[in-house]
Amino acid sequence: MTRFGDLMKAGFTGFSLIFFYSQQSLADWKDTFQYHGFISQNFVLTSENSFYGDSEHGSFDFTEAGFNVSLRPLSRLGLAAQVLYRRAGELEDEEVRLDYGLLDLTAWESPDVRIGLRLGRVKNPYGFYNETRDIAFTRPSIFLPQGIYPDRTRNLALSSDGGQLYGEYVSPIGEFSLRGNIGVPTADTSLERVVLAGNQPGEMEGKLSYVGQLAYDYSGGLIHLAFTAASVHHGYSPGLRDSLKEGNTWLEPYVASAQYSGERLTLTTEYLLRNFRSDHFGSSLPDRAITGESYYFQAGYRLTDNIEVMARYEVFYQDINDRSGKKWERRTRGLRPSFTNFAKDWTVGLRWDITPNWMARAEYHRVHGTGWLAETENPDPRKLDPDWDLFALELSFRF
């Protein structure tokens, strides 16, 4: 199976009930039942600043665990469910939640073409890694490139409550796929803290939004290309004694992704152009529109069948018209130093597949800038250090 196929399989989870005509005998569906689970425990240490807990003194506050089941009761109907537990320092509340849920209904299938519909809580096809970002075995590193897959607002990008129309075509020159999501995105306090500069008395609510991805796979995954575009809309309902009014935010990211997967060497790059605008929040939060930019270059090399080394360089700019952040610092009168508007990250890592079920990782980051750090863990930006180191260890188990 291709790397893209692995991601699609790992990303296919959900839950629902439906009846659909099929020639498959009812006795066969029991053979399609599958269950899987995983758990990862991480250790994070930083020279300065906080990431996933009190990392300056060493933090174990990053734990992921999940359990999922899948079932195909009819030949054209798939069902599944996944429950996820996350403990992530101060980035988000510790909780157990239904992570994703959908049914997959195949409307048309032939040797070369497959067209279908997924309904429920559907994963967003965003970049290469968003659909499987919570499963350590499918990530290229302990932490994904934060400029494109920010952990401080991960719930915003993960999924939508709605539907996905998809199509797949196997041609003589490769495999093409197109997926389009329509639904309501998740909104939580982490989004409020980033967009509204703190947890406000009111509540952010997801509005009808759109995500689409066109992908191409060549020669069984030797080359994989993808382009993602989205329009994500949220509205704000003011609370009591709220200085903010009933406003709206729009996030419109465009991601170009490319990957080469050889026998030993894997090369990956992604480029993100991110348009953001907000309006009607009142005088305390003036209307604004900014365009951000992020990209990375990543190389992985398999020394043996069980050991892989990885290196990556990543750049994040909050505003492409203010890459140095100096305008931002002047506009905030020094409350937000210039280095909080960008981040440049050199990363090296090592992966060891101890057994098919156990994996260990070690990772080191040298970072200039703090643009993707969360204010929930670093409440005073003036106390941040622009040049800092991050070291992380991960132990993961799956079944």
Protein backbone atom coordinates (compact mmCIF):
# COMPACT_ATOMS: atom_id res chain seq x y z
CA MET A 1 0.00 0.00 0.00
CA THR A 2 1.30 3.49 -0.78
CA ARG A 3 2.25 5.98 1.91
CA PHE A 4 -0.80 8.00 0.87
CA GLY A 5 -2.94 4.90 1.21
CA ASP A 6 -1.57 4.31 4.71
CA LEU A 7 -2.53 7.83 5.73
CA MET A 8 -6.01 7.42 4.27
CA LYS A 9 -6.46 4.13 6.14
CA ALA A 10 -5.18 5.61 9.43
CA GLY A 11 -7.34 8.67 8.94
CA PHE A 12 -10.58 6.68 8.27
CA THR A 13 -12.46 6.60 11.59
CA GLY A 14 -16.05 7.41 12.47
CA PHE A 15 -19.43 6.24 13.69
CA SER A 16 -23.01 6.13 12.31
CA LEU A 17 -25.87 3.81 11.25
CA ILE A 18 -27.46 3.49 7.79
CA PHE A 19 -29.09 0.86 5.61
CA PHE A 20 -27.91 0.47 2.04
CA TYR A 21 -28.58 -2.13 -0.69
CA SER A 22 -25.71 -4.60 -1.17
CA GLN A 23 -25.07 -8.09 -2.55
CA GLN A 24 -22.74 -8.89 0.35
CA SER A 25 -24.10 -11.57 2.69
CA LEU A 26 -24.75 -10.50 6.25
CA ALA A 27 -22.48 -13.27 7.50
CA ASP A 28 -19.44 -11.61 5.93
CA TRP A 29 -19.56 -8.34 7.88
CA LYS A 30 -18.25 -9.92 11.08
CA ASP A 31 -14.96 -10.62 9.30
CA THR A 32 -14.49 -6.88 8.64
CA PHE A 33 -14.57 -5.83 12.30
CA GLN A 34 -11.24 -4.39 13.44
CA TYR A 35 -10.00 -2.58 16.51
CA HIS A 36 -6.78 -0.71 17.15
CA GLY A 37 -5.30 1.39 19.90
CA PHE A 38 -2.26 3.43 20.74
CA ILE A 39 -0.65 5.29 23.62
CA SER A 40 2.30 7.69 23.65
CA GLN A 41 4.12 9.29 26.56
CA ASN A 42 6.46 12.19 25.95
CA PHE A 43 9.10 14.11 27.87
CA VAL A 44 9.81 17.73 26.91
CA LEU A 45 12.72 19.87 28.10
CA THR A 46 13.39 23.47 26.98
CA SER A 47 16.24 25.81 27.80
CA GLU A 48 13.78 28.73 28.08
CA ASN A 49 10.06 29.30 27.46
CA SER A 50 7.30 26.73 28.07
CA PHE A 51 5.98 24.12 25.65
CA TYR A 52 3.66 21.35 26.80
CA GLY A 53 3.84 22.19 30.48
CA ASP A 54 6.67 23.44 32.69
CA SER A 55 9.24 22.27 30.19
CA GLU A 56 12.04 24.44 31.58
CA HIS A 57 12.21 21.94 34.45
CA GLY A 58 11.29 18.95 32.31
CA SER A 59 7.67 18.06 31.59
CA PHE A 60 5.82 14.76 31.22
CA ASP A 61 2.54 16.61 30.53
CA PHE A 62 2.16 15.33 26.97
CA THR A 63 0.25 12.07 26.70
CA GLU A 64 -1.84 10.70 23.83
CA ALA A 65 -4.00 7.59 23.84
CA GLY A 66 -6.67 6.38 21.47
CA PHE A 67 -8.89 3.41 20.73
CA ASN A 68 -10.78 2.88 17.50
CA VAL A 69 -13.04 0.30 15.92
CA SER A 70 -14.08 -0.11 12.30
CA LEU A 71 -16.70 -2.23 10.59
CA ARG A 72 -18.00 -2.78 7.07
CA PRO A 73 -21.49 -4.26 7.49
CA LEU A 74 -22.18 -3.95 3.75
CA SER A 75 -19.80 -3.90 0.82
CA ARG A 76 -20.51 -0.21 0.17
CA LEU A 77 -20.83 0.96 3.76
CA GLY A 78 -18.08 1.49 6.32
CA LEU A 79 -18.51 2.51 9.97
CA ALA A 80 -15.93 3.27 12.65
CA ALA A 81 -15.30 5.17 15.88
CA GLN A 82 -12.32 6.56 17.75
CA VAL A 83 -12.03 7.83 21.29
CA LEU A 84 -9.02 9.98 22.13
CA TYR A 85 -7.43 11.03 25.40
CA ARG A 86 -4.97 13.93 25.42
CA ARG A 87 -3.01 15.64 28.13
CA ALA A 88 -1.16 18.59 26.63
CA GLY A 89 0.19 20.88 29.32
CA GLU A 90 -1.68 24.19 29.27
CA LEU A 91 -2.36 24.05 25.53
CA GLU A 92 -5.79 22.49 26.03
CA ASP A 93 -7.93 20.90 28.72
CA GLU A 94 -7.28 17.29 29.61
CA GLU A 95 -10.16 15.25 28.30
CA VAL A 96 -11.51 12.07 26.75
CA ARG A 97 -13.57 12.77 23.67
CA LEU A 98 -15.02 11.21 20.55
CA ASP A 99 -12.24 12.22 18.23
CA TYR A 100 -13.72 11.53 14.80
CA GLY A 101 -16.89 9.89 13.60
CA LEU A 102 -18.27 9.12 10.17
CA LEU A 103 -19.87 6.65 7.84
CA ASP A 104 -18.39 5.96 4.42
CA LEU A 105 -20.90 5.29 1.67
CA THR A 106 -19.51 4.20 -1.71
CA ALA A 107 -21.79 5.49 -4.46
CA TRP A 108 -19.80 4.17 -7.43
CA GLU A 109 -16.91 1.74 -7.70
CA SER A 110 -15.03 0.23 -10.63
CA PRO A 111 -11.45 -0.99 -11.10
CA ASP A 112 -10.33 2.57 -11.92
CA VAL A 113 -12.85 4.86 -10.21
CA ARG A 114 -14.32 5.20 -6.73
CA ILE A 115 -16.79 7.90 -5.68
CA GLY A 116 -18.31 8.17 -2.25
CA LEU A 117 -19.67 10.24 0.60
CA ARG A 118 -18.58 10.42 4.23
CA LEU A 119 -20.90 11.85 6.86
CA GLY A 120 -20.43 12.71 10.51
CA ARG A 121 -17.40 14.22 12.19
CA VAL A 122 -15.09 14.13 9.19
CA LYS A 123 -11.35 14.63 9.21
CA ASN A 124 -10.11 17.64 7.29
CA PRO A 125 -7.78 16.76 4.38
CA TYR A 126 -5.21 19.43 5.22
CA GLY A 127 -1.62 18.94 4.10
CA PHE A 128 0.06 15.55 4.45
CA TYR A 129 -0.28 14.90 8.18
CA ASN A 130 -3.40 16.52 9.62
CA GLU A 131 -5.63 13.46 9.35
CA THR A 132 -3.22 11.26 11.32
CA ARG A 133 -1.44 13.82 13.50
CA ASP A 134 -2.54 12.19 16.79
CA ILE A 135 -1.03 8.80 15.93
CA ALA A 136 2.69 8.86 16.71
CA PHE A 137 3.53 6.03 14.31
CA THR A 138 2.25 8.05 11.32
CA ARG A 139 4.03 11.32 12.16
CA PRO A 140 7.51 12.08 10.79
CA SER A 141 8.58 13.51 14.17
CA ILE A 142 7.38 14.01 17.74
CA PHE A 143 6.17 17.51 16.89
CA LEU A 144 4.88 18.34 13.43
CA PRO A 145 6.07 21.59 11.80
CA GLN A 146 4.28 24.11 14.01
CA GLY A 147 3.99 26.77 11.34
CA ILE A 148 1.67 24.53 9.31
CA TYR A 149 0.26 22.18 11.97
CA PRO A 150 0.10 24.39 15.11
CA ASP A 151 -0.65 22.47 18.29
CA ARG A 152 -1.99 25.59 20.00
CA THR A 153 -5.05 25.54 17.67
CA ARG A 154 -5.06 21.86 16.65
CA ASN A 155 -8.79 21.33 17.25
CA LEU A 156 -9.60 24.02 14.68
CA ALA A 157 -7.90 22.07 11.89
CA LEU A 158 -8.67 18.49 12.88
CA SER A 159 -12.22 17.91 11.75
CA SER A 160 -15.62 19.27 10.74
CA ASP A 161 -19.11 18.14 11.64
CA GLY A 162 -20.70 17.65 8.24
CA GLY A 163 -19.75 15.65 5.18
CA GLN A 164 -17.05 14.86 2.66
CA LEU A 165 -17.52 14.05 -1.01
CA TYR A 166 -14.55 12.17 -2.46
CA GLY A 167 -13.39 10.67 -5.70
CA GLU A 168 -10.42 8.48 -6.65
CA TYR A 169 -9.14 7.69 -10.14
CA VAL A 170 -6.36 5.29 -11.11
CA SER A 171 -4.91 6.36 -14.46
CA PRO A 172 -1.98 5.10 -16.55
CA ILE A 173 0.15 7.97 -15.22
CA GLY A 174 -0.76 7.69 -11.54
CA GLU A 175 -3.51 7.92 -8.94
CA PHE A 176 -5.61 11.07 -8.51
CA SER A 177 -7.90 11.85 -5.60
CA LEU A 178 -10.20 14.77 -4.80
CA ARG A 179 -11.86 15.39 -1.44
CA GLY A 180 -14.14 18.22 -0.41
CA ASN A 181 -15.47 18.86 3.11
CA ILE A 182 -18.46 20.98 4.04
CA GLY A 183 -19.26 21.36 7.72
CA VAL A 184 -18.90 23.22 10.98
CA PRO A 185 -15.40 23.32 12.51
CA THR A 186 -14.57 22.87 16.17
CA ALA A 187 -14.21 25.98 18.32
CA ASP A 188 -12.70 26.03 21.82
CA THR A 189 -10.93 28.31 24.26
CA SER A 190 -7.56 27.76 22.58
CA LEU A 191 -8.92 29.49 19.47
CA GLU A 192 -10.24 32.39 21.56
CA ARG A 193 -6.85 32.89 23.18
CA VAL A 194 -5.11 33.14 19.81
CA VAL A 195 -7.70 35.15 17.87
CA LEU A 196 -9.15 37.31 20.67
CA ALA A 197 -6.00 37.71 22.79
CA GLY A 198 -7.41 35.79 25.75
CA ASN A 199 -10.31 33.73 27.04
CA GLN A 200 -13.26 36.09 26.67
CA PRO A 201 -16.69 36.10 28.43
CA GLY A 202 -18.46 35.11 25.20
CA GLU A 203 -18.14 32.05 23.04
CA MET A 204 -16.64 31.26 19.65
CA GLU A 205 -18.88 29.15 17.42
CA GLY A 206 -18.03 27.37 14.22
CA LYS A 207 -19.88 28.44 11.08
CA LEU A 208 -20.30 26.65 7.75
CA SER A 209 -16.80 26.13 6.33
CA TYR A 210 -15.10 24.40 3.41
CA VAL A 211 -11.93 22.34 2.90
CA GLY A 212 -10.75 20.72 -0.33
CA GLN A 213 -7.69 18.77 -1.41
CA LEU A 214 -6.47 17.51 -4.78
CA ALA A 215 -3.75 14.84 -4.56
CA TYR A 216 -1.62 12.85 -6.98
CA ASP A 217 0.33 9.63 -6.37
CA TYR A 218 2.93 8.34 -8.82
CA SER A 219 4.54 4.93 -9.03
CA GLY A 220 3.10 3.44 -5.86
CA GLY A 221 3.94 6.44 -3.69
CA LEU A 222 7.38 7.28 -5.08
CA ILE A 223 6.12 10.83 -5.63
CA HIS A 224 3.16 12.30 -3.80
CA LEU A 225 1.76 15.79 -4.47
CA ALA A 226 -1.18 17.61 -2.89
CA PHE A 227 -2.81 21.01 -2.86
CA THR A 228 -5.18 22.07 -0.06
CA ALA A 229 -7.47 25.10 0.10
CA ALA A 230 -9.91 26.02 2.86
CA SER A 231 -12.24 28.72 4.11
CA VAL A 232 -12.86 28.35 7.86
CA HIS A 233 -15.45 30.65 9.45
CA HIS A 234 -16.13 31.31 13.14
CA GLY A 235 -18.54 33.70 14.83
CA TYR A 236 -18.39 35.20 18.31
CA SER A 237 -21.39 35.54 20.64
CA PRO A 238 -20.67 38.15 23.36
CA GLY A 239 -21.15 37.31 27.01
CA LEU A 240 -22.21 39.44 29.98
CA ARG A 241 -20.21 42.66 30.46
CA ASP A 242 -18.29 41.82 27.30
CA SER A 243 -16.20 44.53 25.64
CA LEU A 244 -16.39 42.62 22.35
CA LYS A 245 -19.29 42.70 19.96
CA GLU A 246 -20.73 40.01 17.70
CA GLY A 247 -17.82 39.53 15.33
CA ASN A 248 -16.55 37.05 12.77
CA THR A 249 -13.24 35.50 11.77
CA TRP A 250 -12.16 33.84 8.54
CA LEU A 251 -9.08 31.70 8.02
CA GLU A 252 -8.17 30.84 4.43
CA PRO A 253 -5.07 28.61 4.17
CA TYR A 254 -3.53 27.34 0.93
CA VAL A 255 -1.05 24.48 1.25
CA ALA A 256 1.17 23.03 -1.49
CA SER A 257 2.77 19.69 -0.52
CA ALA A 258 5.34 17.48 -2.22
CA GLN A 259 7.06 14.27 -1.17
CA TYR A 260 9.56 11.82 -2.62
CA SER A 261 9.68 8.37 -0.94
CA GLY A 262 12.55 6.19 -2.05
CA GLU A 263 13.70 2.90 -0.63
CA ARG A 264 15.75 4.64 2.10
CA LEU A 265 15.40 8.38 1.54
CA THR A 266 12.25 10.46 2.03
CA LEU A 267 12.16 14.15 1.11
CA THR A 268 9.18 16.31 2.06
CA THR A 269 8.32 19.98 1.72
CA GLU A 270 5.15 21.98 2.32
CA TYR A 271 4.38 25.64 1.76
CA LEU A 272 1.50 27.49 3.42
CA LEU A 273 0.00 30.87 2.57
CA ARG A 274 -2.44 31.83 5.31
CA ASN A 275 -5.03 34.62 4.98
CA PHE A 276 -6.77 35.74 8.16
CA ARG A 277 -9.33 38.47 8.73
CA SER A 278 -11.70 39.50 11.51
CA ASP A 279 -14.37 42.18 11.72
CA HIS A 280 -17.22 43.70 13.77
CA PHE A 281 -15.70 42.98 17.19
CA GLY A 282 -15.87 46.65 18.13
CA SER A 283 -13.32 49.30 19.06
CA SER A 284 -11.50 47.05 21.55
CA LEU A 285 -10.54 44.70 18.70
CA PRO A 286 -10.33 46.65 15.42
CA ASP A 287 -10.94 44.97 12.09
CA ARG A 288 -7.79 43.40 10.68
CA ALA A 289 -6.55 41.35 7.76
CA ILE A 290 -3.13 39.73 7.59
CA THR A 291 -1.39 37.16 5.40
CA GLY A 292 1.01 34.72 6.99
CA GLU A 293 3.52 32.31 5.50
CA SER A 294 5.08 29.02 6.61
CA TYR A 295 7.23 26.38 4.94
CA TYR A 296 9.63 23.58 5.75
CA PHE A 297 12.13 21.23 4.12
CA GLN A 298 12.47 17.77 5.65
CA ALA A 299 14.63 14.73 4.96
CA GLY A 300 14.35 11.28 6.48
CA TYR A 301 16.82 8.45 5.93
CA ARG A 302 16.34 4.83 7.00
CA LEU A 303 19.71 3.61 8.27
CA THR A 304 18.22 0.16 8.80
CA ASP A 305 14.73 -1.29 8.61
CA ASN A 306 14.22 -0.23 12.24
CA ILE A 307 16.15 3.04 12.59
CA GLU A 308 15.49 6.34 10.81
CA VAL A 309 17.13 9.75 11.15
CA MET A 310 15.36 13.00 10.30
CA ALA A 311 16.38 16.63 9.72
CA ARG A 312 14.11 19.62 9.09
CA TYR A 313 14.25 23.37 8.67
CA GLU A 314 11.03 25.28 9.24
CA VAL A 315 10.06 28.96 8.93
CA PHE A 316 6.93 30.66 10.30
CA TYR A 317 5.89 34.28 9.67
CA GLN A 318 2.73 35.62 11.23
CA ASP A 319 2.64 38.50 8.72
CA ILE A 320 4.52 38.45 5.42
CA ASN A 321 4.45 42.25 5.38
CA ASP A 322 6.27 42.29 8.72
CA ARG A 323 8.65 39.34 8.69
CA SER A 324 10.98 40.96 11.23
CA GLY A 325 8.11 41.70 13.61
CA LYS A 326 9.28 45.27 14.21
CA LYS A 327 6.01 46.82 13.06
CA TRP A 328 4.16 44.43 15.36
CA GLU A 329 6.32 45.48 18.32
CA ARG A 330 5.72 49.18 17.64
CA ARG A 331 1.99 48.65 17.17
CA THR A 332 1.72 46.85 20.53
CA ARG A 333 3.98 49.42 22.24
CA GLY A 334 6.47 46.75 23.21
CA LEU A 335 3.96 44.43 24.83
CA ARG A 336 4.59 41.94 22.02
CA PRO A 337 8.31 41.80 21.14
CA SER A 338 9.23 41.47 17.48
CA PHE A 339 10.35 37.83 17.86
CA THR A 340 6.80 36.76 18.85
CA ASN A 341 5.77 37.34 15.23
CA PHE A 342 8.03 34.67 13.67
CA ALA A 343 9.92 31.44 14.34
CA LYS A 344 12.75 29.59 12.59
CA ASP A 345 13.35 26.03 13.71
CA TRP A 346 16.20 23.61 12.97
CA THR A 347 15.26 20.03 13.96
CA VAL A 348 17.06 16.70 14.05
CA GLY A 349 15.50 13.46 15.22
CA LEU A 350 15.94 9.72 15.59
CA ARG A 351 13.26 7.02 15.35
CA TRP A 352 13.73 3.46 16.56
CA ASP A 353 11.06 0.83 15.81
CA ILE A 354 11.88 -1.51 18.67
CA THR A 355 9.22 -4.00 17.57
CA PRO A 356 6.23 -3.66 15.22
CA ASN A 357 4.25 -2.46 18.27
CA TRP A 358 6.80 -0.33 20.14
CA MET A 359 8.55 2.82 18.93
CA ALA A 360 10.94 5.29 20.58
CA ARG A 361 11.95 8.75 19.38
CA ALA A 362 14.40 11.47 20.37
CA GLU A 363 14.29 14.99 18.95
CA TYR A 364 16.22 18.25 19.28
CA HIS A 365 15.10 21.72 18.12
CA ARG A 366 17.12 24.93 17.93
CA VAL A 367 14.59 27.75 17.59
CA HIS A 368 14.91 31.46 16.87
CA GLY A 369 11.65 33.28 17.58
CA THR A 370 8.53 32.32 19.55
CA GLY A 371 5.78 32.85 16.96
CA TRP A 372 4.05 29.50 17.49
CA LEU A 373 4.25 29.29 21.29
CA ALA A 374 0.94 29.51 23.16
CA GLU A 375 0.17 32.40 25.50
CA THR A 376 -1.63 30.00 27.82
CA GLU A 377 1.79 28.61 28.72
CA ASN A 378 3.70 31.87 28.28
CA PRO A 379 1.33 34.59 29.56
CA ASP A 380 3.89 37.41 29.46
CA PRO A 381 5.48 37.65 25.98
CA ARG A 382 8.10 40.09 27.29
CA LYS A 383 9.62 37.31 29.40
CA LEU A 384 10.14 35.00 26.45
CA ASP A 385 13.62 34.27 25.14
CA PRO A 386 13.97 34.57 21.33
CA ASP A 387 16.71 31.91 21.11
CA TRP A 388 15.89 28.64 22.79
CA ASP A 389 16.41 24.89 22.66
CA LEU A 390 13.87 22.07 22.84
CA PHE A 391 14.62 18.42 23.53
CA ALA A 392 11.94 15.71 23.51
CA LEU A 393 11.65 11.95 24.02
CA GLU A 394 8.72 9.76 23.03
CA LEU A 395 7.74 6.17 23.74
CA SER A 396 4.75 4.79 21.82
CA PHE A 397 2.81 1.53 21.77
CA ARG A 398 0.13 0.36 19.37
CA PHE A 399 -2.01 -2.74 18.96
